[in-house]
Amino acid sequence: LKAVMPYINIRTHTVKITKDNIQELLSDADVICEAFDV
């Protein structure tokens, strides 16, 4: 993404989303995209 749009702000979280961390991970988002397999 940085190669395509070098000035974009990207935050990464290399974690599994659970009931316990959803609010911490997603509270700043205006829109949330669900893209899970299961």
All heavy atoms as atom14 arrays in JSON, in Angstrom:
{
  "sequence": "LKAVMPYINIRTHTVKITKDNIQELLSDADVICEAFDV",
  "atom14_mask": [
    [1, 1, 1, 1, 1, 1, 1, 1, 0, 0, 0, 0, 0, 0],
    [1, 1, 1, 1, 1, 1, 1, 1, 1, 0, 0, 0, 0, 0],
    [1, 1, 1, 1, 1, 0, 0, 0, 0, 0, 0, 0, 0, 0],
    [1, 1, 1, 1, 1, 1, 1, 0, 0, 0, 0, 0, 0, 0],
    [1, 1, 1, 1, 1, 1, 1, 1, 0, 0, 0, 0, 0, 0],
    [1, 1, 1, 1, 1, 1, 1, 0, 0, 0, 0, 0, 0, 0],
    [1, 1, 1, 1, 1, 1, 1, 1, 1, 1, 1, 1, 0, 0],
    [1, 1, 1, 1, 1, 1, 1, 1, 0, 0, 0, 0, 0, 0],
    [1, 1, 1, 1, 1, 1, 1, 1, 0, 0, 0, 0, 0, 0],
    [1, 1, 1, 1, 1, 1, 1, 1, 0, 0, 0, 0, 0, 0],
    [1, 1, 1, 1, 1, 1, 1, 1, 1, 1, 1, 0, 0, 0],
    [1, 1, 1, 1, 1, 1, 1, 0, 0, 0, 0, 0, 0, 0],
    [1, 1, 1, 1, 1, 1, 1, 1, 1, 1, 0, 0, 0, 0],
    [1, 1, 1, 1, 1, 1, 1, 0, 0, 0, 0, 0, 0, 0],
    [1, 1, 1, 1, 1, 1, 1, 0, 0, 0, 0, 0, 0, 0],
    [1, 1, 1, 1, 1, 1, 1, 1, 1, 0, 0, 0, 0, 0],
    [1, 1, 1, 1, 1, 1, 1, 1, 0, 0, 0, 0, 0, 0],
    [1, 1, 1, 1, 1, 1, 1, 0, 0, 0, 0, 0, 0, 0],
    [1, 1, 1, 1, 1, 1, 1, 1, 1, 0, 0, 0, 0, 0],
    [1, 1, 1, 1, 1, 1, 1, 1, 0, 0, 0, 0, 0, 0],
    [1, 1, 1, 1, 1, 1, 1, 1, 0, 0, 0, 0, 0, 0],
    [1, 1, 1, 1, 1, 1, 1, 1, 0, 0, 0, 0, 0, 0],
    [1, 1, 1, 1, 1, 1, 1, 1, 1, 0, 0, 0, 0, 0],
    [1, 1, 1, 1, 1, 1, 1, 1, 1, 0, 0, 0, 0, 0],
    [1, 1, 1, 1, 1, 1, 1, 1, 0, 0, 0, 0, 0, 0],
    [1, 1, 1, 1, 1, 1, 1, 1, 0, 0, 0, 0, 0, 0],
    [1, 1, 1, 1, 1, 1, 0, 0, 0, 0, 0, 0, 0, 0],
    [1, 1, 1, 1, 1, 1, 1, 1, 0, 0, 0, 0, 0, 0],
    [1, 1, 1, 1, 1, 0, 0, 0, 0, 0, 0, 0, 0, 0],
    [1, 1, 1, 1, 1, 1, 1, 1, 0, 0, 0, 0, 0, 0],
    [1, 1, 1, 1, 1, 1, 1, 0, 0, 0, 0, 0, 0, 0],
    [1, 1, 1, 1, 1, 1, 1, 1, 0, 0, 0, 0, 0, 0],
    [1, 1, 1, 1, 1, 1, 0, 0, 0, 0, 0, 0, 0, 0],
    [1, 1, 1, 1, 1, 1, 1, 1, 1, 0, 0, 0, 0, 0],
    [1, 1, 1, 1, 1, 0, 0, 0, 0, 0, 0, 0, 0, 0],
    [1, 1, 1, 1, 1, 1, 1, 1, 1, 1, 1, 0, 0, 0],
    [1, 1, 1, 1, 1, 1, 1, 1, 0, 0, 0, 0, 0, 0],
    [1, 1, 1, 1, 1, 1, 1, 0, 0, 0, 0, 0, 0, 0]
  ],
  "atom14_positions": [
    [[0.82, -1.21, 0.0], [0.0, 0.0, 0.0], [0.86, 1.26, 0.0], [0.52, 2.26, -0.65], [-0.94, 0.0, 1.2], [-1.94, -1.15, 1.28], [-2.83, -1.0, 2.51], [-2.78, -1.25, 0.02], [0.0, 0.0, 0.0], [0.0, 0.0, 0.0], [0.0, 0.0, 0.0], [0.0, 0.0, 0.0], [0.0, 0.0, 0.0], [0.0, 0.0, 0.0]],
    [[1.96, 1.22, 0.72], [2.86, 2.37, 0.75], [3.53, 2.59, -0.61], [3.85, 3.73, -0.98], [3.93, 2.17, 1.82], [3.45, 2.44, 3.24], [3.27, 3.93, 3.48], [3.01, 4.25, 4.93], [2.89, 5.72, 5.18], [0.0, 0.0, 0.0], [0.0, 0.0, 0.0], [0.0, 0.0, 0.0], [0.0, 0.0, 0.0], [0.0, 0.0, 0.0]],
    [[3.74, 1.51, -1.36], [4.3, 1.66, -2.71], [3.29, 2.32, -3.65], [3.68, 3.05, -4.58], [4.7, 0.29, -3.25], [0.0, 0.0, 0.0], [0.0, 0.0, 0.0], [0.0, 0.0, 0.0], [0.0, 0.0, 0.0], [0.0, 0.0, 0.0], [0.0, 0.0, 0.0], [0.0, 0.0, 0.0], [0.0, 0.0, 0.0], [0.0, 0.0, 0.0]],
    [[2.01, 2.06, -3.4], [0.96, 2.64, -4.24], [0.63, 4.06, -3.8], [0.52, 4.98, -4.63], [-0.32, 1.76, -4.17], [-1.47, 2.43, -4.9], [-0.04, 0.39, -4.77], [0.0, 0.0, 0.0], [0.0, 0.0, 0.0], [0.0, 0.0, 0.0], [0.0, 0.0, 0.0], [0.0, 0.0, 0.0], [0.0, 0.0, 0.0], [0.0, 0.0, 0.0]],
    [[0.43, 4.25, -2.5], [0.06, 5.56, -1.93], [0.99, 5.86, -0.77], [0.7, 5.55, 0.38], [-1.4, 5.53, -1.47], [-2.4, 5.29, -2.58], [-2.45, 6.61, -3.83], [-3.34, 7.89, -2.94], [0.0, 0.0, 0.0], [0.0, 0.0, 0.0], [0.0, 0.0, 0.0], [0.0, 0.0, 0.0], [0.0, 0.0, 0.0], [0.0, 0.0, 0.0]],
    [[2.14, 6.45, -1.04], [3.19, 6.58, -0.02], [2.83, 7.44, 1.17], [3.48, 7.35, 2.21], [4.37, 7.16, -0.8], [3.77, 7.77, -2.03], [2.59, 6.93, -2.36], [0.0, 0.0, 0.0], [0.0, 0.0, 0.0], [0.0, 0.0, 0.0], [0.0, 0.0, 0.0], [0.0, 0.0, 0.0], [0.0, 0.0, 0.0], [0.0, 0.0, 0.0]],
    [[1.8, 8.27, 1.06], [1.49, 9.2, 2.15], [0.33, 8.75, 3.02], [-0.09, 9.46, 3.92], [1.22, 10.59, 1.56], [2.34, 11.03, 0.64], [2.15, 11.06, -0.75], [3.6, 11.36, 1.15], [3.19, 11.43, -1.6], [4.63, 11.73, 0.3], [4.42, 11.76, -1.07], [5.45, 12.11, -1.91], [0.0, 0.0, 0.0], [0.0, 0.0, 0.0]],
    [[-0.19, 7.57, 2.77], [-1.29, 7.05, 3.57], [-0.8, 6.7, 4.97], [0.34, 6.29, 5.17], [-1.91, 5.8, 2.89], [-3.2, 5.39, 3.59], [-0.91, 4.65, 2.85], [-3.96, 4.29, 2.87], [0.0, 0.0, 0.0], [0.0, 0.0, 0.0], [0.0, 0.0, 0.0], [0.0, 0.0, 0.0], [0.0, 0.0, 0.0], [0.0, 0.0, 0.0]],
    [[-1.66, 6.9, 5.96], [-1.35, 6.52, 7.34], [-1.87, 5.1, 7.57], [-3.06, 4.84, 7.4], [-2.02, 7.5, 8.31], [-1.74, 7.15, 9.75], [-0.69, 6.62, 10.09], [-2.7, 7.44, 10.62], [0.0, 0.0, 0.0], [0.0, 0.0, 0.0], [0.0, 0.0, 0.0], [0.0, 0.0, 0.0], [0.0, 0.0, 0.0], [0.0, 0.0, 0.0]],
    [[-0.99, 4.2, 7.92], [-1.36, 2.8, 8.12], [-0.99, 2.36, 9.52], [0.14, 2.52, 9.97], [-0.67, 1.88, 7.09], [-1.13, 2.23, 5.67], [-0.97, 0.41, 7.39], [-0.44, 1.44, 4.59], [0.0, 0.0, 0.0], [0.0, 0.0, 0.0], [0.0, 0.0, 0.0], [0.0, 0.0, 0.0], [0.0, 0.0, 0.0], [0.0, 0.0, 0.0]],
    [[-1.97, 1.8, 10.21], [-1.73, 1.2, 11.53], [-1.91, -0.32, 11.38], [-2.93, -0.76, 10.84], [-2.71, 1.72, 12.57], [-2.73, 3.22, 12.73], [-3.7, 3.59, 13.84], [-4.25, 4.91, 13.67], [-5.29, 5.38, 14.35], [-5.88, 4.6, 15.25], [-5.75, 6.6, 14.12], [0.0, 0.0, 0.0], [0.0, 0.0, 0.0], [0.0, 0.0, 0.0]],
    [[-0.98, -1.08, 11.85], [-1.08, -2.54, 11.74], [-1.17, -3.17, 13.13], [-0.53, -2.7, 14.08], [0.12, -3.13, 10.99], [1.33, -2.8, 11.69], [0.2, -2.58, 9.57], [0.0, 0.0, 0.0], [0.0, 0.0, 0.0], [0.0, 0.0, 0.0], [0.0, 0.0, 0.0], [0.0, 0.0, 0.0], [0.0, 0.0, 0.0], [0.0, 0.0, 0.0]],
    [[-1.96, -4.23, 13.19], [-2.08, -5.02, 14.42], [-1.97, -6.49, 14.02], [-2.89, -7.04, 13.39], [-3.41, -4.76, 15.11], [-3.61, -3.34, 15.53], [-3.01, -2.8, 16.66], [-4.33, -2.33, 14.97], [-3.35, -1.54, 16.78], [-4.15, -1.22, 15.77], [0.0, 0.0, 0.0], [0.0, 0.0, 0.0], [0.0, 0.0, 0.0], [0.0, 0.0, 0.0]],
    [[-0.86, -7.11, 14.35], [-0.64, -8.51, 14.0], [-1.15, -9.37, 15.15], [-0.38, -9.94, 15.94], [0.85, -8.76, 13.71], [1.32, -7.79, 12.76], [1.07, -10.15, 13.12], [0.0, 0.0, 0.0], [0.0, 0.0, 0.0], [0.0, 0.0, 0.0], [0.0, 0.0, 0.0], [0.0, 0.0, 0.0], [0.0, 0.0, 0.0], [0.0, 0.0, 0.0]],
    [[-2.47, -9.43, 15.24], [-3.13, -10.15, 16.33], [-4.4, -10.8, 15.79], [-4.91, -10.44, 14.73], [-3.5, -9.2, 17.5], [-2.26, -8.6, 18.13], [-4.46, -8.11, 17.04], [0.0, 0.0, 0.0], [0.0, 0.0, 0.0], [0.0, 0.0, 0.0], [0.0, 0.0, 0.0], [0.0, 0.0, 0.0], [0.0, 0.0, 0.0], [0.0, 0.0, 0.0]],
    [[-4.92, -11.72, 16.55], [-6.22, -12.32, 16.26], [-7.28, -11.49, 16.96], [-7.15, -11.19, 18.15], [-6.27, -13.77, 16.74], [-7.56, -14.5, 16.37], [-7.5, -15.95, 16.83], [-8.78, -16.7, 16.5], [-8.97, -16.85, 15.03], [0.0, 0.0, 0.0], [0.0, 0.0, 0.0], [0.0, 0.0, 0.0], [0.0, 0.0, 0.0], [0.0, 0.0, 0.0]],
    [[-8.32, -11.1, 16.24], [-9.39, -10.32, 16.84], [-10.25, -11.23, 17.71], [-10.7, -12.29, 17.27], [-10.25, -9.64, 15.76], [-9.41, -8.64, 14.96], [-11.45, -8.94, 16.38], [-10.16, -7.96, 13.84], [0.0, 0.0, 0.0], [0.0, 0.0, 0.0], [0.0, 0.0, 0.0], [0.0, 0.0, 0.0], [0.0, 0.0, 0.0], [0.0, 0.0, 0.0]],
    [[-10.48, -10.78, 18.94], [-11.31, -11.52, 19.88], [-12.3, -10.56, 20.53], [-12.21, -9.34, 20.37], [-10.46, -12.18, 20.98], [-9.89, -11.14, 21.81], [-9.34, -13.02, 20.39], [0.0, 0.0, 0.0], [0.0, 0.0, 0.0], [0.0, 0.0, 0.0], [0.0, 0.0, 0.0], [0.0, 0.0, 0.0], [0.0, 0.0, 0.0], [0.0, 0.0, 0.0]],
    [[-13.21, -11.12, 21.29], [-14.17, -10.28, 22.02], [-13.45, -9.32, 22.96], [-13.93, -8.21, 23.21], [-15.14, -11.16, 22.82], [-16.1, -11.97, 21.97], [-17.03, -12.79, 22.87], [-18.01, -13.59, 22.03], [-18.95, -14.37, 22.89], [0.0, 0.0, 0.0], [0.0, 0.0, 0.0], [0.0, 0.0, 0.0], [0.0, 0.0, 0.0], [0.0, 0.0, 0.0]],
    [[-12.29, -9.72, 23.44], [-11.58, -8.93, 24.44], [-10.85, -7.72, 23.86], [-10.57, -6.77, 24.59], [-10.58, -9.8, 25.2], [-11.26, -10.89, 26.02], [-12.4, -10.66, 26.47], [-10.67, -11.97, 26.17], [0.0, 0.0, 0.0], [0.0, 0.0, 0.0], [0.0, 0.0, 0.0], [0.0, 0.0, 0.0], [0.0, 0.0, 0.0], [0.0, 0.0, 0.0]],
    [[-10.49, -7.76, 22.57], [-9.69, -6.64, 22.03], [-10.4, -5.83, 20.95], [-9.81, -4.91, 20.39], [-8.34, -7.15, 21.51], [-8.46, -8.14, 20.36], [-9.5, -8.27, 19.72], [-7.37, -8.86, 20.08], [0.0, 0.0, 0.0], [0.0, 0.0, 0.0], [0.0, 0.0, 0.0], [0.0, 0.0, 0.0], [0.0, 0.0, 0.0], [0.0, 0.0, 0.0]],
    [[-11.65, -6.16, 20.65], [-12.35, -5.47, 19.57], [-12.44, -3.98, 19.82], [-12.14, -3.16, 18.92], [-13.75, -6.08, 19.37], [-13.65, -7.37, 18.57], [-14.68, -5.09, 18.64], [-14.97, -8.07, 18.34], [0.0, 0.0, 0.0], [0.0, 0.0, 0.0], [0.0, 0.0, 0.0], [0.0, 0.0, 0.0], [0.0, 0.0, 0.0], [0.0, 0.0, 0.0]],
    [[-12.84, -3.58, 20.99], [-13.01, -2.15, 21.25], [-11.68, -1.4, 21.16], [-11.6, -0.3, 20.6], [-13.65, -1.93, 22.61], [-15.1, -2.42, 22.67], [-15.81, -1.97, 23.92], [-15.94, -0.78, 24.18], [-16.27, -2.93, 24.71], [0.0, 0.0, 0.0], [0.0, 0.0, 0.0], [0.0, 0.0, 0.0], [0.0, 0.0, 0.0], [0.0, 0.0, 0.0]],
    [[-10.63, -2.0, 21.68], [-9.31, -1.37, 21.63], [-8.83, -1.21, 20.19], [-8.28, -0.16, 19.81], [-8.31, -2.2, 22.42], [-6.88, -1.68, 22.37], [-5.89, -2.61, 23.04], [-6.32, -3.62, 23.63], [-4.68, -2.34, 22.96], [0.0, 0.0, 0.0], [0.0, 0.0, 0.0], [0.0, 0.0, 0.0], [0.0, 0.0, 0.0], [0.0, 0.0, 0.0]],
    [[-9.04, -2.23, 19.37], [-8.53, -2.21, 18.0], [-9.35, -1.32, 17.07], [-8.8, -0.71, 16.14], [-8.52, -3.64, 17.43], [-7.56, -4.63, 18.08], [-7.8, -6.02, 17.51], [-6.11, -4.21, 17.89], [0.0, 0.0, 0.0], [0.0, 0.0, 0.0], [0.0, 0.0, 0.0], [0.0, 0.0, 0.0], [0.0, 0.0, 0.0], [0.0, 0.0, 0.0]],
    [[-10.66, -1.23, 17.3], [-11.56, -0.64, 16.31], [-12.23, 0.66, 16.72], [-12.99, 1.23, 15.95], [-12.65, -1.66, 15.95], [-12.14, -3.01, 15.42], [-13.31, -3.94, 15.15], [-11.31, -2.82, 14.16], [0.0, 0.0, 0.0], [0.0, 0.0, 0.0], [0.0, 0.0, 0.0], [0.0, 0.0, 0.0], [0.0, 0.0, 0.0], [0.0, 0.0, 0.0]],
    [[-11.94, 1.15, 17.91], [-12.65, 2.33, 18.4], [-12.41, 3.58, 17.56], [-13.26, 4.47, 17.52], [-12.27, 2.6, 19.86], [-10.88, 2.83, 19.99], [0.0, 0.0, 0.0], [0.0, 0.0, 0.0], [0.0, 0.0, 0.0], [0.0, 0.0, 0.0], [0.0, 0.0, 0.0], [0.0, 0.0, 0.0], [0.0, 0.0, 0.0], [0.0, 0.0, 0.0]],
    [[-11.28, 3.67, 16.87], [-10.97, 4.86, 16.07], [-11.54, 4.82, 14.66], [-11.52, 5.83, 13.95], [-9.45, 5.05, 15.96], [-8.82, 5.48, 17.27], [-9.56, 5.95, 18.17], [-7.59, 5.33, 17.41], [0.0, 0.0, 0.0], [0.0, 0.0, 0.0], [0.0, 0.0, 0.0], [0.0, 0.0, 0.0], [0.0, 0.0, 0.0], [0.0, 0.0, 0.0]],
    [[-12.04, 3.68, 14.23], [-12.48, 3.53, 12.84], [-13.86, 4.15, 12.62], [-14.76, 4.03, 13.45], [-12.52, 2.06, 12.46], [0.0, 0.0, 0.0], [0.0, 0.0, 0.0], [0.0, 0.0, 0.0], [0.0, 0.0, 0.0], [0.0, 0.0, 0.0], [0.0, 0.0, 0.0], [0.0, 0.0, 0.0], [0.0, 0.0, 0.0], [0.0, 0.0, 0.0]],
    [[-14.01, 4.81, 11.48], [-15.32, 5.31, 11.07], [-16.16, 4.19, 10.46], [-17.37, 4.14, 10.66], [-15.16, 6.45, 10.05], [-14.38, 7.61, 10.6], [-14.8, 8.18, 11.62], [-13.32, 7.96, 10.02], [0.0, 0.0, 0.0], [0.0, 0.0, 0.0], [0.0, 0.0, 0.0], [0.0, 0.0, 0.0], [0.0, 0.0, 0.0], [0.0, 0.0, 0.0]],
    [[-15.49, 3.32, 9.7], [-16.14, 2.18, 9.07], [-15.27, 0.95, 9.3], [-14.03, 1.04, 9.24], [-16.35, 2.39, 7.55], [-17.12, 1.21, 6.94], [-17.08, 3.69, 7.27], [0.0, 0.0, 0.0], [0.0, 0.0, 0.0], [0.0, 0.0, 0.0], [0.0, 0.0, 0.0], [0.0, 0.0, 0.0], [0.0, 0.0, 0.0], [0.0, 0.0, 0.0]],
    [[-15.89, -0.19, 9.54], [-15.18, -1.44, 9.78], [-15.55, -2.44, 8.69], [-16.74, -2.68, 8.44], [-15.54, -2.02, 11.16], [-15.13, -1.03, 12.26], [-14.88, -3.37, 11.37], [-15.79, -1.29, 13.6], [0.0, 0.0, 0.0], [0.0, 0.0, 0.0], [0.0, 0.0, 0.0], [0.0, 0.0, 0.0], [0.0, 0.0, 0.0], [0.0, 0.0, 0.0]],
    [[-14.55, -3.01, 8.05], [-14.77, -4.03, 7.03], [-14.52, -5.4, 7.63], [-13.42, -5.67, 8.14], [-13.85, -3.82, 5.83], [-14.22, -2.36, 4.87], [0.0, 0.0, 0.0], [0.0, 0.0, 0.0], [0.0, 0.0, 0.0], [0.0, 0.0, 0.0], [0.0, 0.0, 0.0], [0.0, 0.0, 0.0], [0.0, 0.0, 0.0], [0.0, 0.0, 0.0]],
    [[-15.5, -6.26, 7.56], [-15.36, -7.65, 7.99], [-14.9, -8.46, 6.79], [-15.56, -8.48, 5.76], [-16.69, -8.17, 8.53], [-16.69, -9.62, 8.93], [-16.87, -10.55, 7.75], [-17.83, -10.36, 6.98], [-16.04, -11.48, 7.59], [0.0, 0.0, 0.0], [0.0, 0.0, 0.0], [0.0, 0.0, 0.0], [0.0, 0.0, 0.0], [0.0, 0.0, 0.0]],
    [[-13.75, -9.12, 6.91], [-13.19, -9.89, 5.8], [-12.62, -11.2, 6.29], [-11.54, -11.63, 5.87], [-12.12, -9.06, 5.08], [0.0, 0.0, 0.0], [0.0, 0.0, 0.0], [0.0, 0.0, 0.0], [0.0, 0.0, 0.0], [0.0, 0.0, 0.0], [0.0, 0.0, 0.0], [0.0, 0.0, 0.0], [0.0, 0.0, 0.0], [0.0, 0.0, 0.0]],
    [[-13.35, -11.86, 7.17], [-12.92, -13.14, 7.72], [-13.34, -14.29, 6.81], [-14.23, -14.16, 5.97], [-13.54, -13.36, 9.11], [-12.98, -12.47, 10.19], [-13.73, -12.19, 11.32], [-11.72, -11.93, 10.09], [-13.23, -11.39, 12.33], [-11.2, -11.12, 11.09], [-11.97, -10.85, 12.22], [0.0, 0.0, 0.0], [0.0, 0.0, 0.0], [0.0, 0.0, 0.0]],
    [[-12.74, -15.47, 7.06], [-13.07, -16.68, 6.32], [-14.12, -17.53, 7.03], [-14.9, -18.23, 6.39], [-11.82, -17.54, 6.09], [-10.79, -16.85, 5.22], [-11.2, -16.1, 4.31], [-9.59, -17.06, 5.43], [0.0, 0.0, 0.0], [0.0, 0.0, 0.0], [0.0, 0.0, 0.0], [0.0, 0.0, 0.0], [0.0, 0.0, 0.0], [0.0, 0.0, 0.0]],
    [[-14.12, -17.49, 8.35], [-14.92, -18.4, 9.15], [-16.22, -17.74, 9.58], [-16.22, -16.63, 10.14], [-14.13, -18.87, 10.39], [-14.97, -19.83, 11.23], [-12.81, -19.51, 9.96], [0.0, 0.0, 0.0], [0.0, 0.0, 0.0], [0.0, 0.0, 0.0], [0.0, 0.0, 0.0], [0.0, 0.0, 0.0], [0.0, 0.0, 0.0], [0.0, 0.0, 0.0]]
  ]
}
